[in-house]
Amino acid sequence: MEATILHEPADPDGLVVASLAGELDLDRADDVRDALATIAADPACRYLRIDVAGLDFIDSYGLGALVSARNTAAAHGVSFTLAKPSPPVQKAIEVTGLGHVFGL
């Protein structure tokens, strides 16, 4: 199952919550990275929280896409965090030592 991304418009405080579900791998990494970068570039967005509870699988390309999206968000002055990591995401983050990058 391909990764899907859903998000609501920014709330009055500038928070955008986006949800990822499915598999975030080589086939979907670029699309997810670009979608998150577009959200972060919206002037109304000040905080971008990515709910990853619905991700069943993530590989190194998927992690790279999230790191790249986080860096793009930071360049726009947007705070980027991951929320509710699923077991596969939690394990990947622990193995790579990226918890601090994603606010976990």
C-alpha atoms as a PDB file:
ATOM      1  CA  MET A   1       0.000   0.000   0.000  1.00  0.00           C
ATOM      2  CA  GLU A   2       1.427   3.362  -1.007  1.00  0.00           C
ATOM      3  CA  ALA A   3       1.895   6.092   1.567  1.00  0.00           C
ATOM      4  CA  THR A   4      -0.947   8.573   1.648  1.00  0.00           C
ATOM      5  CA  ILE A   5      -0.790  12.000   3.220  1.00  0.00           C
ATOM      6  CA  LEU A   6      -3.742  13.965   4.497  1.00  0.00           C
ATOM      7  CA  HIS A   7      -3.706  17.342   6.200  1.00  0.00           C
ATOM      8  CA  GLU A   8      -5.994  20.086   7.394  1.00  0.00           C
ATOM      9  CA  PRO A   9      -5.424  23.807   6.850  1.00  0.00           C
ATOM     10  CA  ALA A  10      -3.427  25.610   9.523  1.00  0.00           C
ATOM     11  CA  ASP A  11      -5.313  26.366  12.734  1.00  0.00           C
ATOM     12  CA  PRO A  12      -5.303  29.928  14.182  1.00  0.00           C
ATOM     13  CA  ASP A  13      -1.972  29.204  15.919  1.00  0.00           C
ATOM     14  CA  GLY A  14      -0.350  28.084  12.650  1.00  0.00           C
ATOM     15  CA  LEU A  15      -0.427  24.364  13.459  1.00  0.00           C
ATOM     16  CA  VAL A  16      -0.870  21.943  10.572  1.00  0.00           C
ATOM     17  CA  VAL A  17      -1.362  18.285  11.417  1.00  0.00           C
ATOM     18  CA  ALA A  18      -0.612  15.900   8.564  1.00  0.00           C
ATOM     19  CA  SER A  19      -1.158  12.147   8.722  1.00  0.00           C
ATOM     20  CA  LEU A  20       0.855   9.540   6.859  1.00  0.00           C
ATOM     21  CA  ALA A  21      -0.480   6.033   6.328  1.00  0.00           C
ATOM     22  CA  GLY A  22       0.601   2.954   4.407  1.00  0.00           C
ATOM     23  CA  GLU A  23       4.193   2.381   3.310  1.00  0.00           C
ATOM     24  CA  LEU A  24       6.802   5.106   3.001  1.00  0.00           C
ATOM     25  CA  ASP A  25       9.527   3.676   0.791  1.00  0.00           C
ATOM     26  CA  LEU A  26      11.554   4.405  -2.343  1.00  0.00           C
ATOM     27  CA  ASP A  27       8.443   4.530  -4.521  1.00  0.00           C
ATOM     28  CA  ARG A  28       6.709   7.231  -2.439  1.00  0.00           C
ATOM     29  CA  ALA A  29       9.534   9.063  -0.662  1.00  0.00           C
ATOM     30  CA  ASP A  30       9.900  11.902  -3.188  1.00  0.00           C
ATOM     31  CA  ASP A  31       6.147  12.541  -3.355  1.00  0.00           C
ATOM     32  CA  VAL A  32       5.825  12.651   0.436  1.00  0.00           C
ATOM     33  CA  ARG A  33       8.897  14.887   0.779  1.00  0.00           C
ATOM     34  CA  ASP A  34       7.524  17.309  -1.824  1.00  0.00           C
ATOM     35  CA  ALA A  35       4.029  17.339  -0.303  1.00  0.00           C
ATOM     36  CA  LEU A  36       5.406  18.095   3.171  1.00  0.00           C
ATOM     37  CA  ALA A  37       7.686  20.806   1.758  1.00  0.00           C
ATOM     38  CA  THR A  38       4.681  22.434   0.073  1.00  0.00           C
ATOM     39  CA  ILE A  39       2.741  22.397   3.338  1.00  0.00           C
ATOM     40  CA  ALA A  40       5.712  23.902   5.224  1.00  0.00           C
ATOM     41  CA  ALA A  41       6.070  26.656   2.614  1.00  0.00           C
ATOM     42  CA  ASP A  42       2.506  27.880   3.271  1.00  0.00           C
ATOM     43  CA  PRO A  43       2.845  31.219   5.110  1.00  0.00           C
ATOM     44  CA  ALA A  44       0.020  30.184   7.490  1.00  0.00           C
ATOM     45  CA  CYS A  45       2.029  27.158   8.678  1.00  0.00           C
ATOM     46  CA  ARG A  46       4.226  27.737  11.733  1.00  0.00           C
ATOM     47  CA  TYR A  47       4.155  24.240  13.230  1.00  0.00           C
ATOM     48  CA  LEU A  48       3.983  21.014  11.220  1.00  0.00           C
ATOM     49  CA  ARG A  49       3.120  17.869  13.167  1.00  0.00           C
ATOM     50  CA  ILE A  50       3.248  14.613  11.216  1.00  0.00           C
ATOM     51  CA  ASP A  51       1.136  11.803  12.660  1.00  0.00           C
ATOM     52  CA  VAL A  52       2.906   8.603  11.619  1.00  0.00           C
ATOM     53  CA  ALA A  53       0.739   6.147  13.578  1.00  0.00           C
ATOM     54  CA  GLY A  54      -0.677   4.786  10.313  1.00  0.00           C
ATOM     55  CA  LEU A  55       2.665   3.978   8.669  1.00  0.00           C
ATOM     56  CA  ASP A  56       3.032   0.214   8.365  1.00  0.00           C
ATOM     57  CA  PHE A  57       6.508   0.375   6.829  1.00  0.00           C
ATOM     58  CA  ILE A  58       9.327   2.875   6.387  1.00  0.00           C
ATOM     59  CA  ASP A  59      12.722   2.374   4.762  1.00  0.00           C
ATOM     60  CA  SER A  60      15.842   4.521   4.550  1.00  0.00           C
ATOM     61  CA  TYR A  61      14.402   6.482   1.610  1.00  0.00           C
ATOM     62  CA  GLY A  62      11.298   7.243   3.653  1.00  0.00           C
ATOM     63  CA  LEU A  63      13.388   8.402   6.597  1.00  0.00           C
ATOM     64  CA  GLY A  64      15.469  10.511   4.224  1.00  0.00           C
ATOM     65  CA  ALA A  65      12.301  12.110   2.870  1.00  0.00           C
ATOM     66  CA  LEU A  66      11.200  13.023   6.391  1.00  0.00           C
ATOM     67  CA  VAL A  67      14.634  14.479   7.231  1.00  0.00           C
ATOM     68  CA  SER A  68      14.591  16.503   4.005  1.00  0.00           C
ATOM     69  CA  ALA A  69      11.059  17.760   4.727  1.00  0.00           C
ATOM     70  CA  ARG A  70      12.146  18.708   8.245  1.00  0.00           C
ATOM     71  CA  ASN A  71      15.103  20.674   6.849  1.00  0.00           C
ATOM     72  CA  THR A  72      12.843  22.472   4.359  1.00  0.00           C
ATOM     73  CA  ALA A  73      10.406  23.296   7.156  1.00  0.00           C
ATOM     74  CA  ALA A  74      13.261  24.678   9.286  1.00  0.00           C
ATOM     75  CA  ALA A  75      14.375  26.858   6.360  1.00  0.00           C
ATOM     76  CA  HIS A  76      10.852  28.347   6.367  1.00  0.00           C
ATOM     77  CA  GLY A  77      10.955  28.851  10.142  1.00  0.00           C
ATOM     78  CA  VAL A  78       8.458  26.026  10.682  1.00  0.00           C
ATOM     79  CA  SER A  79       8.754  23.645  13.643  1.00  0.00           C
ATOM     80  CA  PHE A  80       8.527  20.023  12.366  1.00  0.00           C
ATOM     81  CA  THR A  81       7.752  17.100  14.671  1.00  0.00           C
ATOM     82  CA  LEU A  82       6.632  13.500  14.317  1.00  0.00           C
ATOM     83  CA  ALA A  83       3.793  12.252  16.500  1.00  0.00           C
ATOM     84  CA  LYS A  84       2.564   8.799  17.512  1.00  0.00           C
ATOM     85  CA  PRO A  85       5.211   6.743  15.688  1.00  0.00           C
ATOM     86  CA  SER A  86       4.006   3.266  14.765  1.00  0.00           C
ATOM     87  CA  PRO A  87       6.255   0.371  15.879  1.00  0.00           C
ATOM     88  CA  PRO A  88       8.071   0.178  12.490  1.00  0.00           C
ATOM     89  CA  VAL A  89       8.694   3.936  12.511  1.00  0.00           C
ATOM     90  CA  GLN A  90       9.791   3.927  16.147  1.00  0.00           C
ATOM     91  CA  LYS A  91      12.259   1.108  15.454  1.00  0.00           C
ATOM     92  CA  ALA A  92      13.690   2.851  12.364  1.00  0.00           C
ATOM     93  CA  ILE A  93      14.144   6.087  14.298  1.00  0.00           C
ATOM     94  CA  GLU A  94      15.800   4.280  17.217  1.00  0.00           C
ATOM     95  CA  VAL A  95      18.161   2.340  14.928  1.00  0.00           C
ATOM     96  CA  THR A  96      19.229   5.501  13.104  1.00  0.00           C
ATOM     97  CA  GLY A  97      19.373   7.757  16.164  1.00  0.00           C
ATOM     98  CA  LEU A  98      17.101  10.364  14.565  1.00  0.00           C
ATOM     99  CA  GLY A  99      14.746  10.848  17.522  1.00  0.00           C
ATOM    100  CA  HIS A 100      16.163  14.281  18.371  1.00  0.00           C
ATOM    101  CA  VAL A 101      15.731  15.419  14.753  1.00  0.00           C
ATOM    102  CA  PHE A 102      11.999  14.716  14.878  1.00  0.00           C
ATOM    103  CA  GLY A 103      11.258  15.964  18.379  1.00  0.00           C
ATOM    104  CA  LEU A 104      10.815  12.475  19.847  1.00  0.00           C
END
